[in-house]
Amino acid sequence: TIRWKVEGYSWIKSKKPSELFDSPELFGIGDLSVGIRCYPGGKTQEDSDWSSVFLLIFKGSATFEVEFSLKMLSQNPDTPDVSRRGTGRIVGGKFFSETAQSCLWGWTKFASREQAESRCKDDMIVFELCLSLWSDQMVAKHTGNAVALGSSDRAQLGTDLAKLLQRSEHTDVALLPAGKDRGDALRAHRIVLAARSPVFKQMLFGAPMREVAANSEVQMTDVEPEVASLFLHALYTDEIKEDAWDDDDMMCHLFTAFHKYQVDHLMNRCEARIIALISKDVVAERLMMADLLDSPRP
């Protein structure tokens, strides 16, 4: 995990709105160079009660899909980190959306001044960045050291796990979506579910929950069978099937399921796709869903 320690916070916090400072390069792959930009007094006067924090592209020409998490770490065990996530695309050295292109991507209201103060220790605040990139040619994830994985290798892994799921080989847990009994259950592997979802991990391996027992059942009564099947396929393969990818309503159902089971990177992927598919006919409904699930966009 990449961490950027910012010393001298007592001086930094006195900066006025629009005054900024940048980190050194924190991540690099090929000609892409990425860091963090911080406006301690807010990016604009309207944000003066907040610290504005952004992911910053120093340079780069390639095109990538991107997911990232950015945290202001707490140095007090009783105080949680301030954490934000984003997903989208980098095109020609800029973050790209339907409406804008910019070398910055982040939050004008990342953390309030009070939140920043409470996470400061020894006159220092600490940011943590985790960045994932992929394209048609490669997948890269930076967690301290850059690692490149060929897309064919990644596809083969997904294919093998999909076969394991399809054949129900050595399964040891049953998922029961809405309206289904044990005879129609979706069979799965506890270790795969736990590796992919912290919620499943707690259910299946964290006593004293009833699901801990071998060959147990997990009730998914708020998830329709078709959604549950697509959800499980995505957990095993890290892919969302094409028919679902082009179906706005199905993407919303999958987003809700990934949100509930805390599969963050697939939730973020669904979120970006929902925004890409949104129309004026459903925008109010989508805003209500985002409010219900507390899912703000950067």
Protein backbone atom coordinates (compact mmCIF):
# COMPACT_ATOMS: atom_id res chain seq x y z
CA THR A 1 0.00 0.00 0.00
CA ILE A 2 1.31 3.46 -0.91
CA ARG A 3 1.37 5.95 1.95
CA TRP A 4 2.19 9.64 1.79
CA LYS A 5 3.16 11.21 5.10
CA VAL A 6 2.53 14.97 5.23
CA GLU A 7 4.49 16.67 7.98
CA GLY A 8 3.96 20.19 9.33
CA TYR A 9 0.18 20.01 9.38
CA SER A 10 -0.09 22.98 11.77
CA TRP A 11 1.38 25.15 8.99
CA ILE A 12 -0.41 23.43 6.13
CA LYS A 13 -3.89 23.81 7.64
CA SER A 14 -3.50 27.60 7.59
CA LYS A 15 -3.59 27.66 3.80
CA LYS A 16 -6.40 29.64 2.20
CA PRO A 17 -8.96 28.25 -0.27
CA SER A 18 -7.42 27.37 -3.67
CA GLU A 19 -3.89 27.12 -2.18
CA LEU A 20 -2.55 23.66 -2.91
CA PHE A 21 0.36 21.30 -2.51
CA ASP A 22 1.18 18.11 -4.41
CA SER A 23 2.75 14.83 -3.39
CA PRO A 24 5.73 13.41 -5.22
CA GLU A 25 5.02 10.64 -7.74
CA LEU A 26 3.38 7.80 -5.81
CA PHE A 27 2.60 5.40 -8.64
CA GLY A 28 4.11 4.87 -12.05
CA ILE A 29 3.65 2.33 -14.80
CA GLY A 30 4.82 2.87 -18.37
CA ASP A 31 4.67 6.63 -18.95
CA LEU A 32 1.81 7.09 -16.45
CA SER A 33 2.73 9.01 -13.30
CA VAL A 34 0.20 9.55 -10.50
CA GLY A 35 0.19 11.39 -7.16
CA ILE A 36 -2.13 13.28 -4.82
CA ARG A 37 -3.13 16.97 -4.81
CA CYS A 38 -4.44 18.52 -1.61
CA TYR A 39 -6.17 21.83 -0.94
CA PRO A 40 -6.06 21.99 2.90
CA GLY A 41 -8.34 25.06 2.99
CA GLY A 42 -10.68 23.81 0.26
CA LYS A 43 -10.47 24.09 -3.52
CA THR A 44 -12.85 27.06 -3.57
CA GLN A 45 -14.27 29.49 -1.05
CA GLU A 46 -17.40 27.35 -0.84
CA ASP A 47 -15.26 24.44 0.39
CA SER A 48 -13.36 26.45 3.01
CA ASP A 49 -14.54 24.25 5.89
CA TRP A 50 -13.16 21.18 4.14
CA SER A 51 -9.93 19.70 2.81
CA SER A 52 -10.22 18.99 -0.92
CA VAL A 53 -8.17 15.97 -2.03
CA PHE A 54 -7.68 14.62 -5.55
CA LEU A 55 -5.83 11.95 -7.44
CA LEU A 56 -3.45 13.76 -9.81
CA ILE A 57 -1.98 12.63 -13.12
CA PHE A 58 1.43 14.23 -13.66
CA LYS A 59 1.85 12.69 -17.10
CA GLY A 60 0.71 9.77 -19.26
CA SER A 61 -0.60 8.93 -22.72
CA ALA A 62 -2.12 5.42 -22.46
CA THR A 63 -5.78 4.47 -21.88
CA PHE A 64 -6.76 2.51 -18.77
CA GLU A 65 -9.82 1.55 -16.79
CA VAL A 66 -9.14 2.58 -13.21
CA GLU A 67 -10.33 1.90 -9.68
CA PHE A 68 -8.82 3.54 -6.63
CA SER A 69 -9.32 4.07 -2.94
CA LEU A 70 -7.93 7.10 -1.14
CA LYS A 71 -7.81 7.36 2.65
CA MET A 72 -6.79 9.85 5.29
CA LEU A 73 -5.56 7.41 7.90
CA SER A 74 -6.50 7.75 11.52
CA GLN A 75 -3.60 7.61 13.95
CA ASN A 76 -6.04 7.17 16.84
CA PRO A 77 -7.41 3.63 17.36
CA ASP A 78 -10.78 5.06 18.39
CA THR A 79 -11.23 7.11 15.21
CA PRO A 80 -11.99 5.56 11.78
CA ASP A 81 -10.12 6.45 8.60
CA VAL A 82 -11.66 8.91 6.15
CA SER A 83 -12.07 6.77 3.04
CA ARG A 84 -13.27 7.47 -0.52
CA ARG A 85 -13.39 5.34 -3.67
CA GLY A 86 -13.55 6.10 -7.38
CA THR A 87 -13.79 4.24 -10.68
CA GLY A 88 -13.68 5.24 -14.33
CA ARG A 89 -11.19 5.71 -17.16
CA ILE A 90 -7.88 7.42 -17.86
CA VAL A 91 -7.54 8.62 -21.47
CA GLY A 92 -4.43 10.37 -22.74
CA GLY A 93 -3.25 11.45 -19.31
CA LYS A 94 -6.64 12.70 -18.12
CA PHE A 95 -9.48 11.25 -16.08
CA PHE A 96 -12.39 10.93 -18.48
CA SER A 97 -16.14 11.09 -17.89
CA GLU A 98 -19.16 11.77 -20.06
CA THR A 99 -19.05 15.47 -19.23
CA ALA A 100 -15.45 16.39 -18.48
CA GLN A 101 -11.77 15.58 -18.84
CA SER A 102 -9.25 16.59 -16.21
CA CYS A 103 -5.90 15.60 -14.74
CA LEU A 104 -7.64 15.69 -11.31
CA TRP A 105 -10.20 13.29 -9.89
CA GLY A 106 -11.44 13.38 -6.34
CA TRP A 107 -13.50 15.25 -3.78
CA THR A 108 -13.87 18.94 -2.96
CA LYS A 109 -15.29 17.84 0.41
CA PHE A 110 -12.92 14.97 1.19
CA ALA A 111 -12.62 15.60 4.95
CA SER A 112 -13.83 18.37 7.21
CA ARG A 113 -11.26 20.41 9.09
CA GLU A 114 -12.43 18.71 12.28
CA GLN A 115 -11.93 15.28 10.74
CA ALA A 116 -8.45 16.19 9.56
CA GLU A 117 -7.50 17.58 12.97
CA SER A 118 -8.61 14.40 14.75
CA ARG A 119 -6.51 12.26 12.40
CA CYS A 120 -3.34 14.29 12.88
CA LYS A 121 -0.58 13.07 15.21
CA ASP A 122 2.82 14.59 15.89
CA ASP A 123 1.90 17.38 13.44
CA MET A 124 1.53 14.83 10.62
CA ILE A 125 -1.32 13.43 8.52
CA VAL A 126 -1.04 10.27 6.42
CA PHE A 127 -2.75 9.49 3.11
CA GLU A 128 -3.05 5.96 1.72
CA LEU A 129 -3.61 5.21 -1.97
CA CYS A 130 -4.52 1.90 -3.60
CA LEU A 131 -4.78 2.04 -7.40
CA SER A 132 -5.86 -0.64 -9.87
CA LEU A 133 -5.48 -0.25 -13.66
CA TRP A 134 -6.38 -2.51 -16.54
CA SER A 135 -6.68 -2.39 -20.31
CA ASP A 136 -7.24 -4.87 -23.12
CA GLN A 137 -3.55 -5.73 -23.02
CA MET A 138 -2.80 -5.95 -19.32
CA VAL A 139 -3.97 -5.68 -15.75
CA ALA A 140 -1.89 -3.90 -13.12
CA LYS A 141 -2.40 -3.42 -9.42
CA HIS A 142 -0.11 -1.41 -7.22
CA THR A 143 0.09 -2.50 -3.61
CA GLY A 144 3.65 -1.53 -2.84
CA ASN A 145 5.23 -3.09 -5.94
CA ALA A 146 3.85 -2.93 -9.49
CA VAL A 147 2.61 -6.29 -10.75
CA ALA A 148 1.55 -6.93 -14.35
CA LEU A 149 -0.67 -9.88 -15.26
CA GLY A 150 -1.41 -10.85 -18.85
CA SER A 151 -5.08 -10.60 -19.74
CA SER A 152 -5.04 -14.14 -21.17
CA ASP A 153 -3.80 -15.51 -17.82
CA ARG A 154 -6.47 -13.58 -15.94
CA ALA A 155 -9.14 -14.80 -18.37
CA GLN A 156 -8.00 -18.41 -17.92
CA LEU A 157 -8.27 -18.15 -14.15
CA GLY A 158 -11.81 -16.82 -14.50
CA THR A 159 -12.69 -19.61 -16.94
CA ASP A 160 -11.39 -22.28 -14.59
CA LEU A 161 -13.31 -20.89 -11.63
CA ALA A 162 -16.46 -20.57 -13.76
CA LYS A 163 -16.18 -24.27 -14.63
CA LEU A 164 -15.73 -25.14 -10.97
CA LEU A 165 -18.90 -23.20 -10.16
CA GLN A 166 -20.89 -24.59 -13.09
CA ARG A 167 -20.03 -28.20 -12.24
CA SER A 168 -20.72 -27.70 -8.52
CA GLU A 169 -17.56 -29.62 -7.73
CA HIS A 170 -16.66 -29.88 -4.03
CA THR A 171 -19.19 -27.24 -3.03
CA ASP A 172 -19.87 -26.80 0.68
CA VAL A 173 -22.46 -24.02 0.98
CA ALA A 174 -25.93 -23.34 -0.48
CA LEU A 175 -27.19 -19.87 -1.40
CA LEU A 176 -30.95 -19.48 -1.28
CA PRO A 177 -32.21 -16.46 -3.26
CA ALA A 178 -35.75 -15.11 -3.00
CA GLY A 179 -38.46 -17.73 -3.44
CA LYS A 180 -36.11 -20.71 -3.64
CA ASP A 181 -35.78 -23.71 -1.34
CA ARG A 182 -32.80 -25.98 -0.79
CA GLY A 183 -33.61 -28.05 -3.88
CA ASP A 184 -33.10 -24.98 -6.08
CA ALA A 185 -30.16 -23.54 -4.16
CA LEU A 186 -27.07 -22.15 -5.83
CA ARG A 187 -24.10 -24.26 -4.76
CA ALA A 188 -20.81 -22.52 -4.02
CA HIS A 189 -17.48 -22.78 -2.20
CA ARG A 190 -17.14 -21.16 1.21
CA ILE A 191 -13.47 -20.28 0.72
CA VAL A 192 -14.16 -18.44 -2.56
CA LEU A 193 -17.06 -16.48 -1.10
CA ALA A 194 -15.02 -15.56 1.97
CA ALA A 195 -12.05 -14.46 -0.12
CA ARG A 196 -14.25 -12.16 -2.20
CA SER A 197 -16.59 -10.69 0.40
CA PRO A 198 -15.92 -9.69 4.02
CA VAL A 199 -19.62 -10.20 4.73
CA PHE A 200 -19.47 -13.82 3.56
CA LYS A 201 -16.21 -14.25 5.47
CA GLN A 202 -17.93 -13.26 8.70
CA MET A 203 -20.96 -15.41 7.93
CA LEU A 204 -19.04 -18.53 6.99
CA PHE A 205 -16.01 -18.43 9.27
CA GLY A 206 -16.90 -16.05 12.08
CA ALA A 207 -18.56 -17.83 15.02
CA PRO A 208 -21.22 -17.90 16.35
CA MET A 209 -23.24 -17.35 13.14
CA ARG A 210 -25.28 -20.36 12.02
CA GLU A 211 -23.75 -20.30 8.54
CA VAL A 212 -20.39 -21.37 10.01
CA ALA A 213 -21.34 -25.05 9.90
CA ALA A 214 -20.14 -27.05 6.89
CA ASN A 215 -22.74 -27.49 4.10
CA SER A 216 -24.74 -24.66 5.62
CA GLU A 217 -27.28 -22.40 3.92
CA VAL A 218 -27.08 -18.65 3.33
CA GLN A 219 -30.43 -16.92 2.94
CA MET A 220 -30.47 -14.22 0.22
CA THR A 221 -34.17 -13.46 0.46
CA ASP A 222 -33.81 -9.91 -0.88
CA VAL A 223 -31.97 -11.04 -4.03
CA GLU A 224 -33.89 -12.45 -7.01
CA PRO A 225 -32.64 -15.77 -8.45
CA GLU A 226 -31.40 -14.29 -11.75
CA VAL A 227 -29.53 -11.55 -9.89
CA ALA A 228 -28.05 -14.08 -7.46
CA SER A 229 -26.79 -16.22 -10.33
CA LEU A 230 -25.12 -13.26 -12.05
CA PHE A 231 -23.75 -12.07 -8.71
CA LEU A 232 -22.17 -15.46 -8.03
CA HIS A 233 -20.72 -15.66 -11.55
CA ALA A 234 -19.10 -12.26 -11.07
CA LEU A 235 -17.65 -13.27 -7.69
CA TYR A 236 -15.94 -16.27 -9.27
CA THR A 237 -14.81 -14.74 -12.56
CA ASP A 238 -14.54 -11.00 -11.83
CA GLU A 239 -16.68 -10.49 -14.94
CA ILE A 240 -20.22 -9.22 -15.41
CA LYS A 241 -22.04 -11.04 -18.19
CA GLU A 242 -22.67 -9.03 -21.35
CA ASP A 243 -26.48 -9.22 -21.18
CA ALA A 244 -26.44 -7.81 -17.66
CA TRP A 245 -23.84 -5.18 -18.58
CA ASP A 246 -26.23 -3.68 -21.14
CA ASP A 247 -29.30 -3.86 -18.86
CA ASP A 248 -29.68 -0.74 -16.73
CA ASP A 249 -32.11 -2.33 -14.27
CA MET A 250 -29.99 -5.45 -13.84
CA MET A 251 -26.90 -3.33 -13.19
CA CYS A 252 -28.82 -1.58 -10.41
CA HIS A 253 -29.79 -4.92 -8.86
CA LEU A 254 -26.19 -6.14 -9.05
CA PHE A 255 -24.92 -2.86 -7.62
CA THR A 256 -27.23 -3.31 -4.63
CA ALA A 257 -26.04 -6.90 -4.08
CA PHE A 258 -22.35 -5.96 -4.32
CA HIS A 259 -23.01 -3.08 -1.93
CA LYS A 260 -24.68 -5.37 0.63
CA TYR A 261 -21.88 -7.95 0.51
CA GLN A 262 -19.14 -5.29 0.34
CA VAL A 263 -17.57 -6.41 -2.95
CA ASP A 264 -16.28 -2.92 -3.52
CA HIS A 265 -14.48 -3.18 -6.85
CA LEU A 266 -17.46 -4.84 -8.58
CA MET A 267 -19.82 -2.36 -6.92
CA ASN A 268 -17.70 0.49 -8.29
CA ARG A 269 -17.73 -1.05 -11.74
CA CYS A 270 -21.52 -1.31 -11.66
CA GLU A 271 -21.78 2.27 -10.43
CA ALA A 272 -19.72 3.59 -13.34
CA ARG A 273 -21.81 1.56 -15.79
CA ILE A 274 -25.11 2.79 -14.33
CA ILE A 275 -23.94 6.37 -14.81
CA ALA A 276 -22.91 5.61 -18.40
CA LEU A 277 -26.38 4.14 -19.14
CA ILE A 278 -28.44 6.73 -17.27
CA SER A 279 -31.18 8.65 -19.05
CA LYS A 280 -33.45 11.52 -18.03
CA ASP A 281 -36.32 9.05 -17.65
CA VAL A 282 -34.68 7.27 -14.72
CA VAL A 283 -32.36 9.87 -13.23
CA ALA A 284 -34.67 10.62 -10.28
CA GLU A 285 -34.99 6.92 -9.48
CA ARG A 286 -31.21 6.46 -9.63
CA LEU A 287 -30.63 9.41 -7.32
CA MET A 288 -33.06 7.91 -4.82
CA MET A 289 -31.18 4.60 -5.00
CA ALA A 290 -27.84 6.34 -4.45
CA ASP A 291 -29.26 8.21 -1.46
CA LEU A 292 -30.71 5.02 0.00
CA LEU A 293 -27.38 3.20 -0.32
CA ASP A 294 -25.31 6.27 0.66
CA SER A 295 -23.28 6.07 -2.55
CA PRO A 296 -21.99 9.59 -3.42
CA ARG A 297 -20.01 10.18 -6.58
CA PRO A 298 -16.76 12.18 -6.66
